[in-house]
């Protein structure tokens, strides 16, 4: 069963979500700060880049204590430095001045979520989602979408799977390509016994993020197993092994599947593995075998195109890579 371990701690995925929502922005620092960076690069010790960033933002807040954007940047700097309580204090200062500042609300709610204060975080995310409903851009508001995502995550943690499905379905409607949302929606659906829909959403999640994130593959293996689709469960397990850097085990599990009901995904999996190993000829051969089964499949066609391999002409039976 997949875990929610990737949700605990301020992970790269969380940082990416915050970036998309506008909480963490790319900031062009002042020339004086750039000079400090250059000096730090030349010296072997002294404060780190993160520490200098904090110091620079603290100075900026002292010079302009009423500037909301500067305080938000200081909160961001504290977050990156792991100073959660200091970051929360800055978000509170912003919210005292501008109670409906969504960037501060999202930043505060996310940090509280990371700290495990789920009820307070839930209240903030709920308010954000409610406020977004009045906006003409509500359906494409990344902050509102993120709020629904975290409300779904909190509901899963609290065992409220119906609520989780409702919130994550809303988040999915706002961004159907969000792999994080698709994964959690699949987890919630599986918890409710709806493994058919769980497979649909988890399959989309791994289509968007096929490597480097193992939880969706493990969840897929569980849901396929619950559906008694043993070959597909073995396929998902093999891809989970590949995700875990055990390519040998993955290949040995996938090869027997290339002539059964899991043939197409198994061939694509073998192609992906050999492609990532740098063996483009072998990868092309696997993708051509997949093409013979599903000549209109978009994943097959894009894989061949990525390698510069042309599909055989109509009526041809060759499966050799060009």
Foldseek 3Di string as FASTA:
>chain_A
DFDPVCLADCDPVVVVLLVVLPLDDDDDDDPVLVVVVVVVVVDDDDDDNLVSQLVVLVVVCVVPVPDLVSLSSNLVSCVVVVNLVSSLVSLVVSCVVVVPPLSSLLSNLSSCVNVVVLVVSLVSLVVNLVVLVPDPCSLQNSSNLVSLLSNLVSCVVVVNLVSNLVSLVSSCSSPVQPLSSLQSNLVSCVVVVNLVSSLVSLVSSCVNVVAQDQSSLQSNLVSCVSVVVNLSSLLSVLSSCVNVVNPVSSLVSLVVSCPDPCNLSSLQSQLVSVVVVVNLQRSQLSLQSSCVVPVPDPSSVVSCVVSVFDHDDPPDDDSGTD
